[in-house]
Amino acid sequence: MTAIIHDDLELWLTGWLRSQLAARTEPVCRDVKVGNKVPAGALPPRLVVVRYDGSSVEELHVDSAAV
């Protein structure tokens, strides 16, 4: 397993996911909106929202992430 250490994990992950989706040829990977907030108003047909909600005091040294 590879460790990912980055100052802004949301920024890194949204950029990585956009580039991965752009490299795919399947129709389901086209026109996917990737961001860190749910847009106001009508939702786009394809949407991925990446959020980092922080961690508890117990997790300050070892953070648990879920994707």
PDB file of N, CA and C in Angstrom:
ATOM      1  N   MET A   1       0.839  -1.178   0.000  1.00  0.00           N
ATOM      2  CA  MET A   1       0.000   0.000   0.000  1.00  0.00           C
ATOM      3  C   MET A   1       0.887   1.245   0.000  1.00  0.00           C
ATOM      4  N   THR A   2       0.489   2.236  -0.759  1.00  0.00           N
ATOM      5  CA  THR A   2       1.241   3.476  -0.860  1.00  0.00           C
ATOM      6  C   THR A   2       0.596   4.536   0.017  1.00  0.00           C
ATOM      7  N   ALA A   3       1.385   5.212   0.812  1.00  0.00           N
ATOM      8  CA  ALA A   3       0.876   6.300   1.651  1.00  0.00           C
ATOM      9  C   ALA A   3       0.779   7.572   0.811  1.00  0.00           C
ATOM     10  N   ILE A   4      -0.304   8.303   1.003  1.00  0.00           N
ATOM     11  CA  ILE A   4      -0.485   9.595   0.333  1.00  0.00           C
ATOM     12  C   ILE A   4      -0.444  10.668   1.409  1.00  0.00           C
ATOM     13  N   ILE A   5       0.553  11.528   1.311  1.00  0.00           N
ATOM     14  CA  ILE A   5       0.690  12.630   2.260  1.00  0.00           C
ATOM     15  C   ILE A   5       0.655  13.913   1.448  1.00  0.00           C
ATOM     16  N   HIS A   6      -0.334  14.726   1.713  1.00  0.00           N
ATOM     17  CA  HIS A   6      -0.486  15.954   0.945  1.00  0.00           C
ATOM     18  C   HIS A   6      -1.125  17.010   1.832  1.00  0.00           C
ATOM     19  N   ASP A   7      -0.718  18.271   1.638  1.00  0.00           N
ATOM     20  CA  ASP A   7      -1.260  19.379   2.431  1.00  0.00           C
ATOM     21  C   ASP A   7      -2.760  19.538   2.254  1.00  0.00           C
ATOM     22  N   ASP A   8      -3.232  19.385   1.041  1.00  0.00           N
ATOM     23  CA  ASP A   8      -4.649  19.572   0.744  1.00  0.00           C
ATOM     24  C   ASP A   8      -5.149  18.318   0.033  1.00  0.00           C
ATOM     25  N   LEU A   9      -5.612  17.350   0.794  1.00  0.00           N
ATOM     26  CA  LEU A   9      -6.014  16.068   0.232  1.00  0.00           C
ATOM     27  C   LEU A   9      -7.195  16.211  -0.717  1.00  0.00           C
ATOM     28  N   GLU A  10      -8.163  17.082  -0.392  1.00  0.00           N
ATOM     29  CA  GLU A  10      -9.300  17.292  -1.295  1.00  0.00           C
ATOM     30  C   GLU A  10      -8.828  17.790  -2.654  1.00  0.00           C
ATOM     31  N   LEU A  11      -7.929  18.764  -2.662  1.00  0.00           N
ATOM     32  CA  LEU A  11      -7.423  19.324  -3.915  1.00  0.00           C
ATOM     33  C   LEU A  11      -6.697  18.257  -4.719  1.00  0.00           C
ATOM     34  N   TRP A  12      -5.833  17.500  -4.049  1.00  0.00           N
ATOM     35  CA  TRP A  12      -5.082  16.455  -4.744  1.00  0.00           C
ATOM     36  C   TRP A  12      -6.023  15.388  -5.310  1.00  0.00           C
ATOM     37  N   LEU A  13      -6.964  14.922  -4.492  1.00  0.00           N
ATOM     38  CA  LEU A  13      -7.836  13.836  -4.912  1.00  0.00           C
ATOM     39  C   LEU A  13      -8.796  14.261  -6.017  1.00  0.00           C
ATOM     40  N   THR A  14      -9.338  15.469  -5.960  1.00  0.00           N
ATOM     41  CA  THR A  14     -10.237  15.915  -7.029  1.00  0.00           C
ATOM     42  C   THR A  14      -9.479  16.055  -8.348  1.00  0.00           C
ATOM     43  N   GLY A  15      -8.264  16.581  -8.292  1.00  0.00           N
ATOM     44  CA  GLY A  15      -7.452  16.692  -9.512  1.00  0.00           C
ATOM     45  C   GLY A  15      -7.085  15.328 -10.081  1.00  0.00           C
ATOM     46  N   TRP A  16      -6.704  14.413  -9.195  1.00  0.00           N
ATOM     47  CA  TRP A  16      -6.349  13.061  -9.627  1.00  0.00           C
ATOM     48  C   TRP A  16      -7.557  12.368 -10.249  1.00  0.00           C
ATOM     49  N   LEU A  17      -8.709  12.489  -9.600  1.00  0.00           N
ATOM     50  CA  LEU A  17      -9.911  11.833 -10.106  1.00  0.00           C
ATOM     51  C   LEU A  17     -10.345  12.417 -11.445  1.00  0.00           C
ATOM     52  N   ARG A  18     -10.257  13.731 -11.601  1.00  0.00           N
ATOM     53  CA  ARG A  18     -10.591  14.351 -12.898  1.00  0.00           C
ATOM     54  C   ARG A  18      -9.706  13.795 -14.014  1.00  0.00           C
ATOM     55  N   SER A  19      -8.402  13.701 -13.740  1.00  0.00           N
ATOM     56  CA  SER A  19      -7.479  13.201 -14.775  1.00  0.00           C
ATOM     57  C   SER A  19      -7.724  11.722 -15.065  1.00  0.00           C
ATOM     58  N   GLN A  20      -8.055  10.939 -14.055  1.00  0.00           N
ATOM     59  CA  GLN A  20      -8.356   9.522 -14.275  1.00  0.00           C
ATOM     60  C   GLN A  20      -9.616   9.355 -15.110  1.00  0.00           C
ATOM     61  N   LEU A  21     -10.644  10.130 -14.817  1.00  0.00           N
ATOM     62  CA  LEU A  21     -11.881  10.053 -15.587  1.00  0.00           C
ATOM     63  C   LEU A  21     -11.670  10.520 -17.026  1.00  0.00           C
ATOM     64  N   ALA A  22     -10.868  11.566 -17.217  1.00  0.00           N
ATOM     65  CA  ALA A  22     -10.607  12.083 -18.566  1.00  0.00           C
ATOM     66  C   ALA A  22      -9.849  11.070 -19.415  1.00  0.00           C
ATOM     67  N   ALA A  23      -9.052  10.223 -18.778  1.00  0.00           N
ATOM     68  CA  ALA A  23      -8.264   9.227 -19.509  1.00  0.00           C
ATOM     69  C   ALA A  23      -9.091   8.004 -19.915  1.00  0.00           C
ATOM     70  N   ARG A  24     -10.277   7.851 -19.364  1.00  0.00           N
ATOM     71  CA  ARG A  24     -11.123   6.687 -19.657  1.00  0.00           C
ATOM     72  C   ARG A  24     -11.967   6.940 -20.900  1.00  0.00           C
ATOM     73  N   THR A  25     -12.269   5.884 -21.624  1.00  0.00           N
ATOM     74  CA  THR A  25     -13.053   6.025 -22.856  1.00  0.00           C
ATOM     75  C   THR A  25     -14.517   5.640 -22.677  1.00  0.00           C
ATOM     76  N   GLU A  26     -14.871   5.060 -21.531  1.00  0.00           N
ATOM     77  CA  GLU A  26     -16.256   4.637 -21.327  1.00  0.00           C
ATOM     78  C   GLU A  26     -17.184   5.858 -21.242  1.00  0.00           C
ATOM     79  N   PRO A  27     -18.385   5.742 -21.808  1.00  0.00           N
ATOM     80  CA  PRO A  27     -19.329   6.866 -21.772  1.00  0.00           C
ATOM     81  C   PRO A  27     -19.662   7.332 -20.356  1.00  0.00           C
ATOM     82  N   VAL A  28     -19.696   6.422 -19.397  1.00  0.00           N
ATOM     83  CA  VAL A  28     -20.056   6.796 -18.028  1.00  0.00           C
ATOM     84  C   VAL A  28     -19.005   7.721 -17.395  1.00  0.00           C
ATOM     85  N   CYS A  29     -17.809   7.758 -17.956  1.00  0.00           N
ATOM     86  CA  CYS A  29     -16.740   8.598 -17.410  1.00  0.00           C
ATOM     87  C   CYS A  29     -16.710   9.992 -18.027  1.00  0.00           C
ATOM     88  N   ARG A  30     -17.569  10.246 -18.992  1.00  0.00           N
ATOM     89  CA  ARG A  30     -17.595  11.559 -19.648  1.00  0.00           C
ATOM     90  C   ARG A  30     -18.477  12.542 -18.889  1.00  0.00           C
ATOM     91  N   ASP A  31     -18.080  13.778 -18.914  1.00  0.00           N
ATOM     92  CA  ASP A  31     -18.878  14.873 -18.344  1.00  0.00           C
ATOM     93  C   ASP A  31     -19.213  14.671 -16.870  1.00  0.00           C
ATOM     94  N   VAL A  32     -18.236  14.171 -16.110  1.00  0.00           N
ATOM     95  CA  VAL A  32     -18.420  13.999 -14.667  1.00  0.00           C
ATOM     96  C   VAL A  32     -17.927  15.256 -13.966  1.00  0.00           C
ATOM     97  N   LYS A  33     -18.768  15.859 -13.169  1.00  0.00           N
ATOM     98  CA  LYS A  33     -18.391  17.026 -12.357  1.00  0.00           C
ATOM     99  C   LYS A  33     -17.749  16.507 -11.080  1.00  0.00           C
ATOM    100  N   VAL A  34     -16.513  16.926 -10.821  1.00  0.00           N
ATOM    101  CA  VAL A  34     -15.783  16.517  -9.624  1.00  0.00           C
ATOM    102  C   VAL A  34     -15.450  17.773  -8.832  1.00  0.00           C
ATOM    103  N   GLY A  35     -15.782  17.780  -7.557  1.00  0.00           N
ATOM    104  CA  GLY A  35     -15.492  18.938  -6.724  1.00  0.00           C
ATOM    105  C   GLY A  35     -15.526  18.572  -5.252  1.00  0.00           C
ATOM    106  N   ASN A  36     -15.405  19.593  -4.411  1.00  0.00           N
ATOM    107  CA  ASN A  36     -15.423  19.339  -2.971  1.00  0.00           C
ATOM    108  C   ASN A  36     -16.687  19.895  -2.301  1.00  0.00           C
ATOM    109  N   LYS A  37     -17.627  20.366  -3.107  1.00  0.00           N
ATOM    110  CA  LYS A  37     -18.899  20.870  -2.578  1.00  0.00           C
ATOM    111  C   LYS A  37     -20.032  20.446  -3.494  1.00  0.00           C
ATOM    112  N   VAL A  38     -21.189  20.204  -2.912  1.00  0.00           N
ATOM    113  CA  VAL A  38     -22.379  19.931  -3.720  1.00  0.00           C
ATOM    114  C   VAL A  38     -22.846  21.264  -4.291  1.00  0.00           C
ATOM    115  N   PRO A  39     -22.980  21.364  -5.612  1.00  0.00           N
ATOM    116  CA  PRO A  39     -23.386  22.642  -6.200  1.00  0.00           C
ATOM    117  C   PRO A  39     -24.827  23.004  -5.821  1.00  0.00           C
ATOM    118  N   ALA A  40     -25.074  24.290  -5.722  1.00  0.00           N
ATOM    119  CA  ALA A  40     -26.437  24.768  -5.432  1.00  0.00           C
ATOM    120  C   ALA A  40     -27.307  24.570  -6.668  1.00  0.00           C
ATOM    121  N   GLY A  41     -28.575  24.407  -6.435  1.00  0.00           N
ATOM    122  CA  GLY A  41     -29.504  24.254  -7.548  1.00  0.00           C
ATOM    123  C   GLY A  41     -29.561  22.825  -8.047  1.00  0.00           C
ATOM    124  N   ALA A  42     -29.868  22.696  -9.323  1.00  0.00           N
ATOM    125  CA  ALA A  42     -30.004  21.372  -9.932  1.00  0.00           C
ATOM    126  C   ALA A  42     -28.648  20.665  -9.981  1.00  0.00           C
ATOM    127  N   LEU A  43     -28.653  19.400  -9.631  1.00  0.00           N
ATOM    128  CA  LEU A  43     -27.413  18.623  -9.659  1.00  0.00           C
ATOM    129  C   LEU A  43     -27.104  18.170 -11.076  1.00  0.00           C
ATOM    130  N   PRO A  44     -25.813  18.132 -11.439  1.00  0.00           N
ATOM    131  CA  PRO A  44     -25.452  17.614 -12.758  1.00  0.00           C
ATOM    132  C   PRO A  44     -25.748  16.112 -12.819  1.00  0.00           C
ATOM    133  N   PRO A  45     -25.894  15.568 -14.024  1.00  0.00           N
ATOM    134  CA  PRO A  45     -26.200  14.137 -14.163  1.00  0.00           C
ATOM    135  C   PRO A  45     -25.143  13.227 -13.528  1.00  0.00           C
ATOM    136  N   ARG A  46     -23.887  13.634 -13.591  1.00  0.00           N
ATOM    137  CA  ARG A  46     -22.793  12.848 -13.004  1.00  0.00           C
ATOM    138  C   ARG A  46     -21.993  13.753 -12.078  1.00  0.00           C
ATOM    139  N   LEU A  47     -21.951  13.376 -10.821  1.00  0.00           N
ATOM    140  CA  LEU A  47     -21.314  14.221  -9.811  1.00  0.00           C
ATOM    141  C   LEU A  47     -20.552  13.369  -8.805  1.00  0.00           C
ATOM    142  N   VAL A  48     -19.299  13.756  -8.532  1.00  0.00           N
ATOM    143  CA  VAL A  48     -18.514  13.149  -7.462  1.00  0.00           C
ATOM    144  C   VAL A  48     -18.095  14.277  -6.533  1.00  0.00           C
ATOM    145  N   VAL A  49     -18.432  14.153  -5.256  1.00  0.00           N
ATOM    146  CA  VAL A  49     -18.060  15.154  -4.259  1.00  0.00           C
ATOM    147  C   VAL A  49     -17.070  14.514  -3.294  1.00  0.00           C
ATOM    148  N   VAL A  50     -15.897  15.115  -3.183  1.00  0.00           N
ATOM    149  CA  VAL A  50     -14.851  14.642  -2.281  1.00  0.00           C
ATOM    150  C   VAL A  50     -14.817  15.591  -1.103  1.00  0.00           C
ATOM    151  N   ARG A  51     -14.996  15.038   0.107  1.00  0.00           N
ATOM    152  CA  ARG A  51     -14.988  15.875   1.306  1.00  0.00           C
ATOM    153  C   ARG A  51     -14.030  15.301   2.330  1.00  0.00           C
ATOM    154  N   TYR A  52     -13.336  16.197   2.992  1.00  0.00           N
ATOM    155  CA  TYR A  52     -12.548  15.818   4.154  1.00  0.00           C
ATOM    156  C   TYR A  52     -13.211  16.491   5.348  1.00  0.00           C
ATOM    157  N   ASP A  53     -13.781  15.693   6.214  1.00  0.00           N
ATOM    158  CA  ASP A  53     -14.553  16.228   7.330  1.00  0.00           C
ATOM    159  C   ASP A  53     -13.751  16.380   8.606  1.00  0.00           C
ATOM    160  N   GLY A  54     -12.444  16.209   8.536  1.00  0.00           N
ATOM    161  CA  GLY A  54     -11.622  16.342   9.730  1.00  0.00           C
ATOM    162  C   GLY A  54     -11.541  15.040  10.499  1.00  0.00           C
ATOM    163  N   SER A  55     -10.985  15.128  11.682  1.00  0.00           N
ATOM    164  CA  SER A  55     -10.810  13.932  12.498  1.00  0.00           C
ATOM    165  C   SER A  55     -11.069  14.274  13.952  1.00  0.00           C
ATOM    166  N   SER A  56     -11.266  13.245  14.746  1.00  0.00           N
ATOM    167  CA  SER A  56     -11.499  13.443  16.172  1.00  0.00           C
ATOM    168  C   SER A  56     -10.163  13.625  16.890  1.00  0.00           C
ATOM    169  N   VAL A  57     -10.206  13.979  18.142  1.00  0.00           N
ATOM    170  CA  VAL A  57      -8.990  14.168  18.931  1.00  0.00           C
ATOM    171  C   VAL A  57      -8.173  12.885  18.968  1.00  0.00           C
ATOM    172  N   GLU A  58      -8.854  11.734  19.037  1.00  0.00           N
ATOM    173  CA  GLU A  58      -8.153  10.451  19.085  1.00  0.00           C
ATOM    174  C   GLU A  58      -7.427  10.143  17.785  1.00  0.00           C
ATOM    175  N   GLU A  59      -7.872  10.740  16.691  1.00  0.00           N
ATOM    176  CA  GLU A  59      -7.291  10.454  15.373  1.00  0.00           C
ATOM    177  C   GLU A  59      -6.283  11.510  14.917  1.00  0.00           C
ATOM    178  N   LEU A  60      -5.817  12.357  15.810  1.00  0.00           N
ATOM    179  CA  LEU A  60      -4.894  13.423  15.393  1.00  0.00           C
ATOM    180  C   LEU A  60      -3.608  12.883  14.796  1.00  0.00           C
ATOM    181  N   HIS A  61      -3.105  11.791  15.289  1.00  0.00           N
ATOM    182  CA  HIS A  61      -1.841  11.254  14.794  1.00  0.00           C
ATOM    183  C   HIS A  61      -2.037  10.212  13.697  1.00  0.00           C
ATOM    184  N   VAL A  62      -3.153   9.519  13.712  1.00  0.00           N
ATOM    185  CA  VAL A  62      -3.463   8.530  12.676  1.00  0.00           C
ATOM    186  C   VAL A  62      -4.888   8.812  12.220  1.00  0.00           C
ATOM    187  N   ASP A  63      -5.016   9.423  11.072  1.00  0.00           N
ATOM    188  CA  ASP A  63      -6.330   9.812  10.577  1.00  0.00           C
ATOM    189  C   ASP A  63      -6.941   8.659   9.787  1.00  0.00           C
ATOM    190  N   SER A  64      -8.217   8.441   9.951  1.00  0.00           N
ATOM    191  CA  SER A  64      -8.932   7.413   9.204  1.00  0.00           C
ATOM    192  C   SER A  64      -9.710   8.086   8.082  1.00  0.00           C
ATOM    193  N   ALA A  65      -9.492   7.637   6.870  1.00  0.00           N
ATOM    194  CA  ALA A  65     -10.187   8.218   5.720  1.00  0.00           C
ATOM    195  C   ALA A  65     -11.124   7.189   5.124  1.00  0.00           C
ATOM    196  N   ALA A  66     -12.200   7.657   4.541  1.00  0.00           N
ATOM    197  CA  ALA A  66     -13.140   6.784   3.851  1.00  0.00           C
ATOM    198  C   ALA A  66     -13.460   7.402   2.501  1.00  0.00           C
ATOM    199  N   VAL A  67     -13.436   6.598   1.491  1.00  0.00           N
ATOM    200  CA  VAL A  67     -13.752   7.065   0.138  1.00  0.00           C
ATOM    201  C   VAL A  67     -14.959   6.301  -0.338  1.00  0.00           C
TER     202      VAL A  67
END
